[in-house]
């Protein structure tokens, strides 16, 4: 938002007024900047400076007001005010996602599809067809969906059809039924996320505007509520999810958890659980698929996928989220389970999530997030780690 201010000579000049949402938590101000879609913690005196900037004051006027308010000389605080002003303005700058760019219409023809394979999947009661251009593209996208593959029945109605084009450093996802829907990415990780969003929209009859967030987490349910296990890749969340599945809980999502904007509930996405080689020794006695010694010849990656157990259409129900656990496996720590402040948890959450940048959703998001119980779990003892999570399902811990 730009506010126009008149100079004494009648000429106008503009100051940047950043659209914000403010939530006070523990006597601190958490400020959301619309253009950057960032939440930033502001304490006094930075909060005072932010309010002056929001009124349209430039750095010079802000410094004068600041000096008067805190009974300081201008020369004592000018450098500090300048630094805070610049940091606030930087926080409000629009940020670009360099991992994704929509392909221009006249550019799409440069990417011709050549078929390597065609596979169909039954997901949420609907069939999806994906055409792969290379073995490498099939390797990255097919494996977590393989347990939902069905025979190519030409008479069956297909909800959506996609082409995945592996073109050197550019990976293209194209919706065959909608010529305007094509996306280009630098790697398959981002392409897979976009594909999952499209499939999720279809099986739940929603659009991108219906979602509050997509969380990089494993979602575990006991049928009544869902707990999110979130962490960077390789930190042990999928291993913990696979262990909890053995204990009788259901893993309804791994790595990709959609949260809807209206009810703030977690929707299942039934891709398989990804397990890295380091966890094979822990899980191979429970999951025979991990005993396969023949790793893929193309990439030499040692990742296996465990299908979710008995996840039928009736299991695809959205359930409330009351807790989120940020976990990390550390063999040197027996079990350290701590409740986190919402301010600290918010930063961890955003590091592992896409959150809607719509103003209404941002306000709804923070009001939902401050009601969650947030924990950190660092564990080396698997049984004790599982016990802590099980306690949350059994409601034995105090809020």
Protein backbone atom coordinates (compact mmCIF):
# COMPACT_ATOMS: atom_id res chain seq x y z
CA UNK A 1 0.00 0.00 0.00
CA UNK A 2 1.36 3.44 -0.92
CA UNK A 3 0.34 6.59 0.92
CA UNK A 4 0.80 9.88 -0.91
CA UNK A 5 1.92 12.90 1.13
CA UNK A 6 2.07 16.51 -0.05
CA UNK A 7 5.21 18.55 0.40
CA UNK A 8 4.95 22.24 1.36
CA UNK A 9 5.63 23.18 -2.27
CA UNK A 10 2.62 21.18 -3.40
CA UNK A 11 4.57 18.28 -4.92
CA UNK A 12 3.78 14.84 -3.69
CA UNK A 13 6.00 11.99 -2.62
CA UNK A 14 5.21 8.46 -1.55
CA UNK A 15 5.98 6.42 1.57
CA UNK A 16 5.51 2.69 1.71
CA UNK A 17 2.72 1.61 4.08
CA UNK A 18 2.96 -2.17 4.52
CA UNK A 19 -0.21 -4.17 5.04
CA UNK A 20 0.19 -5.97 8.35
CA UNK A 21 -1.60 -8.22 10.80
CA UNK A 22 -0.51 -8.06 14.43
CA UNK A 23 -0.88 -10.69 17.14
CA UNK A 24 0.34 -10.07 20.67
CA UNK A 25 1.87 -13.16 22.27
CA UNK A 26 3.59 -13.15 25.66
CA UNK A 27 3.90 -9.35 25.63
CA UNK A 28 5.60 -9.51 22.22
CA UNK A 29 4.18 -8.48 18.87
CA UNK A 30 4.12 -10.94 16.00
CA UNK A 31 3.64 -8.99 12.79
CA UNK A 32 2.62 -10.45 9.42
CA UNK A 33 3.77 -8.64 6.29
CA UNK A 34 1.44 -9.33 3.38
CA UNK A 35 3.83 -8.81 0.49
CA UNK A 36 6.52 -11.08 1.90
CA UNK A 37 4.07 -13.41 3.71
CA UNK A 38 6.40 -13.38 6.72
CA UNK A 39 5.72 -13.32 10.44
CA UNK A 40 8.29 -11.26 12.35
CA UNK A 41 8.69 -10.79 16.11
CA UNK A 42 8.87 -7.13 17.17
CA UNK A 43 9.56 -5.91 20.69
CA UNK A 44 9.96 -2.39 22.00
CA UNK A 45 11.46 -0.14 20.73
CA UNK A 46 11.23 -1.80 17.27
CA UNK A 47 7.45 -2.01 17.70
CA UNK A 48 7.30 1.75 18.31
CA UNK A 49 9.31 2.38 15.13
CA UNK A 50 7.09 0.05 13.12
CA UNK A 51 4.01 2.02 14.15
CA UNK A 52 5.60 5.27 13.00
CA UNK A 53 6.45 3.75 9.62
CA UNK A 54 2.85 2.56 9.31
CA UNK A 55 1.73 6.17 9.68
CA UNK A 56 3.76 7.09 6.63
CA UNK A 57 6.70 8.77 8.36
CA UNK A 58 10.08 8.62 6.67
CA UNK A 59 13.26 7.67 8.53
CA UNK A 60 14.09 11.27 9.45
CA UNK A 61 10.68 11.97 11.00
CA UNK A 62 10.67 8.55 12.64
CA UNK A 63 14.02 9.31 14.29
CA UNK A 64 12.70 12.63 15.64
CA UNK A 65 9.55 11.01 17.07
CA UNK A 66 11.65 8.20 18.54
CA UNK A 67 14.05 10.65 20.21
CA UNK A 68 11.16 12.64 21.70
CA UNK A 69 9.39 9.52 22.95
CA UNK A 70 12.47 8.05 24.66
CA UNK A 71 13.87 11.44 25.73
CA UNK A 72 17.05 11.06 23.69
CA UNK A 73 19.04 13.32 21.45
CA UNK A 74 18.62 12.66 17.74
CA UNK A 75 22.32 11.98 17.25
CA UNK A 76 22.14 9.28 19.95
CA UNK A 77 19.51 7.21 18.18
CA UNK A 78 19.65 8.02 14.45
CA UNK A 79 21.85 5.06 13.56
CA UNK A 80 19.74 2.63 15.59
CA UNK A 81 16.45 3.90 14.12
CA UNK A 82 17.89 3.72 10.61
CA UNK A 83 18.88 0.09 11.16
CA UNK A 84 15.45 -0.91 12.51
CA UNK A 85 13.64 0.97 9.73
CA UNK A 86 15.67 -0.85 7.10
CA UNK A 87 15.04 -4.24 8.73
CA UNK A 88 11.29 -3.64 8.88
CA UNK A 89 11.19 -2.49 5.27
CA UNK A 90 13.26 -5.52 4.25
CA UNK A 91 10.83 -7.82 6.09
CA UNK A 92 7.97 -6.36 4.06
CA UNK A 93 9.56 -6.73 0.63
CA UNK A 94 7.86 -9.17 -1.73
CA UNK A 95 9.77 -12.42 -1.97
CA UNK A 96 9.89 -14.56 -5.10
CA UNK A 97 9.80 -18.32 -5.17
CA UNK A 98 12.82 -19.10 -7.32
CA UNK A 99 11.93 -22.79 -7.37
CA UNK A 100 8.77 -22.26 -9.42
CA UNK A 101 7.77 -20.20 -12.42
CA UNK A 102 4.69 -20.40 -14.60
CA UNK A 103 5.58 -21.04 -18.21
CA UNK A 104 4.49 -18.40 -20.70
CA UNK A 105 2.11 -19.65 -23.42
CA UNK A 106 4.60 -19.06 -26.24
CA UNK A 107 7.30 -20.91 -24.29
CA UNK A 108 5.41 -24.14 -23.68
CA UNK A 109 5.93 -25.45 -27.19
CA UNK A 110 9.66 -25.70 -26.48
CA UNK A 111 8.90 -28.66 -24.22
CA UNK A 112 7.73 -31.59 -26.36
CA UNK A 113 6.62 -34.70 -24.48
CA UNK A 114 8.14 -38.07 -25.38
CA UNK A 115 6.58 -41.01 -23.58
CA UNK A 116 8.65 -43.34 -21.44
CA UNK A 117 5.76 -44.85 -19.45
CA UNK A 118 2.12 -44.31 -18.48
CA UNK A 119 0.73 -45.18 -15.05
CA UNK A 120 -2.67 -44.87 -13.41
CA UNK A 121 -3.42 -44.44 -9.72
CA UNK A 122 -6.58 -44.75 -7.65
CA UNK A 123 -6.38 -42.00 -5.03
CA UNK A 124 -9.32 -41.04 -2.85
CA UNK A 125 -11.70 -42.99 -5.06
CA UNK A 126 -10.58 -41.16 -8.23
CA UNK A 127 -8.25 -42.25 -11.01
CA UNK A 128 -5.29 -40.17 -12.12
CA UNK A 129 -3.07 -40.81 -15.10
CA UNK A 130 0.56 -39.70 -15.22
CA UNK A 131 2.74 -39.94 -18.31
CA UNK A 132 6.46 -39.93 -17.64
CA UNK A 133 9.03 -38.78 -20.20
CA UNK A 134 12.06 -40.46 -18.62
CA UNK A 135 12.94 -43.23 -16.23
CA UNK A 136 14.35 -40.63 -13.83
CA UNK A 137 11.05 -38.70 -13.70
CA UNK A 138 9.22 -41.97 -13.03
CA UNK A 139 11.73 -42.81 -10.31
CA UNK A 140 11.07 -39.64 -8.33
CA UNK A 141 7.29 -39.37 -8.73
CA UNK A 142 5.99 -42.93 -9.10
CA UNK A 143 7.56 -44.66 -6.10
CA UNK A 144 5.58 -42.91 -3.30
CA UNK A 145 2.38 -43.49 -5.32
CA UNK A 146 3.14 -47.05 -6.47
CA UNK A 147 0.94 -48.75 -3.85
CA UNK A 148 -2.08 -46.93 -5.35
CA UNK A 149 -1.36 -47.98 -8.94
CA UNK A 150 -4.17 -49.69 -10.86
CA UNK A 151 -4.37 -51.35 -14.27
CA UNK A 152 -4.79 -49.14 -17.28
CA UNK A 153 -8.51 -49.57 -17.82
CA UNK A 154 -9.36 -47.40 -20.84
CA UNK A 155 -13.07 -47.46 -20.10
CA UNK A 156 -12.65 -46.04 -16.60
CA UNK A 157 -13.07 -42.29 -16.18
CA UNK A 158 -9.86 -40.49 -15.26
CA UNK A 159 -10.16 -37.42 -13.05
CA UNK A 160 -6.99 -35.75 -14.35
CA UNK A 161 -4.16 -36.58 -16.72
CA UNK A 162 -0.63 -35.22 -16.40
CA UNK A 163 2.58 -35.22 -18.37
CA UNK A 164 5.91 -34.92 -16.60
CA UNK A 165 8.70 -33.69 -18.83
CA UNK A 166 12.31 -34.08 -17.75
CA UNK A 167 14.19 -31.52 -19.83
CA UNK A 168 17.77 -31.18 -18.55
CA UNK A 169 17.69 -28.64 -15.69
CA UNK A 170 13.98 -27.87 -16.14
CA UNK A 171 11.21 -30.17 -14.96
CA UNK A 172 7.73 -29.52 -16.37
CA UNK A 173 4.35 -30.62 -15.02
CA UNK A 174 1.52 -30.27 -17.51
CA UNK A 175 -2.19 -30.85 -16.95
CA UNK A 176 -3.31 -32.42 -20.22
CA UNK A 177 -6.94 -31.42 -19.70
CA UNK A 178 -6.11 -27.77 -19.08
CA UNK A 179 -3.65 -26.27 -21.56
CA UNK A 180 -3.17 -23.20 -19.36
CA UNK A 181 -2.00 -25.29 -16.39
CA UNK A 182 1.72 -25.94 -16.75
CA UNK A 183 4.46 -25.42 -14.23
CA UNK A 184 8.24 -25.45 -14.49
CA UNK A 185 10.66 -26.28 -11.68
CA UNK A 186 14.35 -26.68 -11.08
CA UNK A 187 13.96 -30.10 -9.48
CA UNK A 188 11.50 -32.93 -8.96
CA UNK A 189 10.94 -32.11 -5.29
CA UNK A 190 9.02 -28.93 -6.15
CA UNK A 191 7.25 -30.56 -9.08
CA UNK A 192 6.02 -33.35 -6.81
CA UNK A 193 4.60 -30.83 -4.33
CA UNK A 194 2.68 -29.09 -7.10
CA UNK A 195 1.35 -32.43 -8.35
CA UNK A 196 0.24 -33.36 -4.82
CA UNK A 197 -1.57 -30.02 -4.46
CA UNK A 198 -3.42 -30.61 -7.73
CA UNK A 199 -4.42 -34.15 -6.76
CA UNK A 200 -5.49 -32.99 -3.30
CA UNK A 201 -7.70 -30.29 -4.81
CA UNK A 202 -9.35 -32.88 -7.02
CA UNK A 203 -10.03 -35.62 -4.47
CA UNK A 204 -11.44 -33.12 -1.95
CA UNK A 205 -13.17 -30.86 -4.51
CA UNK A 206 -11.24 -27.79 -3.36
CA UNK A 207 -9.04 -25.11 -4.89
CA UNK A 208 -5.78 -23.57 -3.72
CA UNK A 209 -7.83 -20.79 -2.06
CA UNK A 210 -9.44 -23.33 0.29
CA UNK A 211 -6.17 -24.27 1.97
CA UNK A 212 -4.56 -22.55 4.92
CA UNK A 213 -1.27 -24.41 4.73
CA UNK A 214 0.61 -27.39 3.33
CA UNK A 215 2.98 -28.69 6.00
CA UNK A 216 6.15 -30.74 5.53
CA UNK A 217 5.20 -33.23 8.23
CA UNK A 218 3.96 -36.72 8.96
CA UNK A 219 0.34 -36.80 10.08
CA UNK A 220 -0.58 -39.48 12.63
CA UNK A 221 -4.15 -40.16 13.77
CA UNK A 222 -5.95 -42.33 16.30
CA UNK A 223 -9.24 -41.78 14.48
CA UNK A 224 -10.22 -38.83 16.66
CA UNK A 225 -7.52 -36.24 16.11
CA UNK A 226 -4.30 -35.78 14.17
CA UNK A 227 -0.84 -34.95 15.49
CA UNK A 228 1.73 -33.45 13.14
CA UNK A 229 5.37 -34.56 13.31
CA UNK A 230 7.42 -31.90 11.55
CA UNK A 231 11.13 -31.63 10.83
CA UNK A 232 13.59 -31.08 7.98
CA UNK A 233 14.25 -34.05 5.72
CA UNK A 234 16.44 -36.69 7.36
CA UNK A 235 15.50 -35.77 10.94
CA UNK A 236 13.52 -38.92 11.69
CA UNK A 237 9.84 -37.96 11.32
CA UNK A 238 9.07 -40.66 8.74
CA UNK A 239 10.87 -43.30 10.82
CA UNK A 240 8.83 -42.30 13.87
CA UNK A 241 5.65 -42.37 11.77
CA UNK A 242 6.44 -45.91 10.56
CA UNK A 243 7.05 -47.04 14.16
CA UNK A 244 3.77 -45.51 15.34
CA UNK A 245 2.00 -47.29 12.49
CA UNK A 246 3.28 -50.58 13.96
CA UNK A 247 1.80 -49.51 17.31
CA UNK A 248 -1.66 -49.22 15.76
CA UNK A 249 -1.85 -45.54 14.82
CA UNK A 250 -2.60 -44.61 11.23
CA UNK A 251 -0.24 -42.56 9.10
CA UNK A 252 -2.56 -40.52 6.90
CA UNK A 253 0.16 -38.33 5.33
CA UNK A 254 3.92 -38.35 5.08
CA UNK A 255 5.85 -35.22 4.06
CA UNK A 256 2.73 -33.42 2.76
CA UNK A 257 -0.16 -32.43 5.06
CA UNK A 258 -2.92 -30.13 3.76
CA UNK A 259 -4.67 -27.93 6.36
CA UNK A 260 -7.97 -26.41 5.22
CA UNK A 261 -8.74 -22.75 5.83
CA UNK A 262 -12.30 -23.14 7.10
CA UNK A 263 -12.10 -25.87 9.75
CA UNK A 264 -8.32 -25.92 10.34
CA UNK A 265 -8.29 -29.69 9.95
CA UNK A 266 -5.61 -31.95 8.50
CA UNK A 267 -6.64 -33.77 5.33
CA UNK A 268 -4.96 -37.10 4.53
CA UNK A 269 -2.77 -37.53 1.49
CA UNK A 270 -2.01 -41.25 1.19
CA UNK A 271 1.47 -41.24 -0.39
CA UNK A 272 3.77 -43.91 1.02
CA UNK A 273 6.13 -43.32 3.96
CA UNK A 274 9.66 -42.52 2.74
CA UNK A 275 12.42 -44.24 4.72
CA UNK A 276 16.11 -43.54 4.26
CA UNK A 277 18.83 -46.17 4.50
CA UNK A 278 19.89 -45.15 8.01
CA UNK A 279 16.52 -46.31 9.38
CA UNK A 280 16.43 -49.69 7.61
CA UNK A 281 18.00 -51.55 10.54
CA UNK A 282 15.32 -50.14 12.87
CA UNK A 283 12.37 -50.97 10.63
CA UNK A 284 13.33 -53.95 8.44
CA UNK A 285 12.10 -56.54 10.94
CA UNK A 286 8.61 -55.00 10.68
CA UNK A 287 8.54 -54.13 6.98
CA UNK A 288 9.73 -56.80 4.55
CA UNK A 289 9.99 -54.29 1.68
CA UNK A 290 13.03 -52.70 3.33
CA UNK A 291 15.05 -55.90 2.96
CA UNK A 292 15.34 -55.41 -0.80
CA UNK A 293 19.05 -54.98 -1.52
CA UNK A 294 18.71 -53.85 -5.13
CA UNK A 295 18.94 -50.08 -5.07
CA UNK A 296 17.98 -48.09 -8.11
CA UNK A 297 20.63 -48.08 -10.80
CA UNK A 298 19.99 -44.52 -11.96
CA UNK A 299 20.53 -42.46 -8.85
CA UNK A 300 22.03 -44.92 -6.36
CA UNK A 301 19.70 -43.41 -3.77
CA UNK A 302 18.91 -45.69 -0.86
CA UNK A 303 15.33 -44.70 -0.10
CA UNK A 304 12.47 -47.13 0.33
CA UNK A 305 8.73 -46.49 0.58
CA UNK A 306 6.37 -48.15 3.05
CA UNK A 307 2.68 -48.17 2.04
CA UNK A 308 0.27 -46.76 4.58
CA UNK A 309 -1.86 -49.44 6.25
CA UNK A 310 -5.51 -49.94 5.25
CA UNK A 311 -5.99 -46.34 4.12
CA UNK A 312 -9.29 -46.63 2.26
CA UNK A 313 -11.62 -43.88 1.05
CA UNK A 314 -13.40 -43.93 4.42
CA UNK A 315 -10.09 -43.03 6.08
CA UNK A 316 -9.78 -39.84 4.05
CA UNK A 317 -11.53 -37.77 6.69
CA UNK A 318 -10.25 -34.43 7.90
CA UNK A 319 -9.50 -34.41 11.60
CA UNK A 320 -8.65 -31.60 14.03
CA UNK A 321 -5.03 -30.82 14.83
CA UNK A 322 -4.36 -29.99 18.47
CA UNK A 323 -0.63 -30.65 18.70
CA UNK A 324 2.44 -30.30 16.54
CA UNK A 325 5.78 -31.87 17.45
CA UNK A 326 9.07 -30.67 15.97
CA UNK A 327 11.26 -33.71 16.29
CA UNK A 328 14.83 -34.74 15.67
CA UNK A 329 16.59 -38.06 16.05
CA UNK A 330 19.86 -37.84 18.01
CA UNK A 331 21.48 -41.08 19.21
CA UNK A 332 23.29 -39.11 21.95
CA UNK A 333 20.04 -37.94 23.57
CA UNK A 334 17.83 -40.48 25.34
CA UNK A 335 14.61 -38.46 25.18
CA UNK A 336 14.08 -34.73 25.59
CA UNK A 337 10.46 -33.62 25.32
CA UNK A 338 9.71 -29.92 25.86
CA UNK A 339 6.77 -27.61 25.39
CA UNK A 340 7.60 -24.76 23.02
CA UNK A 341 6.48 -21.16 23.09
CA UNK A 342 4.30 -20.22 20.15
CA UNK A 343 6.84 -17.65 19.02
CA UNK A 344 9.61 -20.24 18.75
CA UNK A 345 7.24 -22.83 17.25
CA UNK A 346 6.01 -20.34 14.64
CA UNK A 347 9.49 -19.94 13.20
CA UNK A 348 10.00 -23.71 13.06
CA UNK A 349 6.59 -24.15 11.44
CA UNK A 350 7.26 -21.65 8.67
CA UNK A 351 10.60 -23.28 7.91
CA UNK A 352 8.67 -26.45 6.99
CA UNK A 353 5.45 -25.10 5.48
CA UNK A 354 3.71 -23.22 2.74
CA UNK A 355 1.17 -20.83 4.27
CA UNK A 356 -1.49 -18.96 2.31
CA UNK A 357 -0.64 -15.30 1.70
CA UNK A 358 -4.30 -14.21 1.59
CA UNK A 359 -5.00 -11.63 4.31
CA UNK A 360 -8.08 -13.41 5.63
CA UNK A 361 -6.15 -16.68 5.81
CA UNK A 362 -3.18 -15.07 7.57
CA UNK A 363 -5.44 -13.76 10.33
CA UNK A 364 -7.20 -17.11 10.57
CA UNK A 365 -3.87 -18.95 10.61
CA UNK A 366 -2.35 -17.11 13.57
CA UNK A 367 -5.56 -17.42 15.61
CA UNK A 368 -5.46 -21.18 14.96
CA UNK A 369 -1.75 -21.56 15.58
CA UNK A 370 -1.73 -19.93 19.03
CA UNK A 371 -4.28 -22.52 20.19
CA UNK A 372 -2.02 -25.45 19.25
CA UNK A 373 0.13 -27.19 21.80
CA UNK A 374 3.64 -27.17 20.38
CA UNK A 375 6.50 -29.43 21.48
CA UNK A 376 10.05 -30.32 20.59
CA UNK A 377 11.12 -33.96 20.80
CA UNK A 378 14.76 -34.95 20.53
CA UNK A 379 15.20 -38.67 20.97
CA UNK A 380 17.67 -41.50 20.68
CA UNK A 381 15.55 -44.03 22.60
CA UNK A 382 12.81 -44.97 20.13
CA UNK A 383 10.47 -46.49 22.71
CA UNK A 384 10.58 -43.43 24.92
CA UNK A 385 10.00 -41.17 21.92
CA UNK A 386 6.94 -43.20 20.92
CA UNK A 387 5.65 -43.14 24.49
CA UNK A 388 5.71 -39.34 24.59
CA UNK A 389 3.67 -39.10 21.39
CA UNK A 390 1.25 -41.80 22.57
CA UNK A 391 0.65 -39.83 25.76
CA UNK A 392 -0.58 -36.88 23.72
CA UNK A 393 -3.13 -39.09 21.98
CA UNK A 394 -4.27 -40.39 25.35
CA UNK A 395 -4.66 -36.82 26.68
CA UNK A 396 -2.56 -37.58 29.77
CA UNK A 397 -0.42 -34.45 29.46
CA UNK A 398 -1.57 -31.11 30.82
CA UNK A 399 -2.34 -28.34 28.36
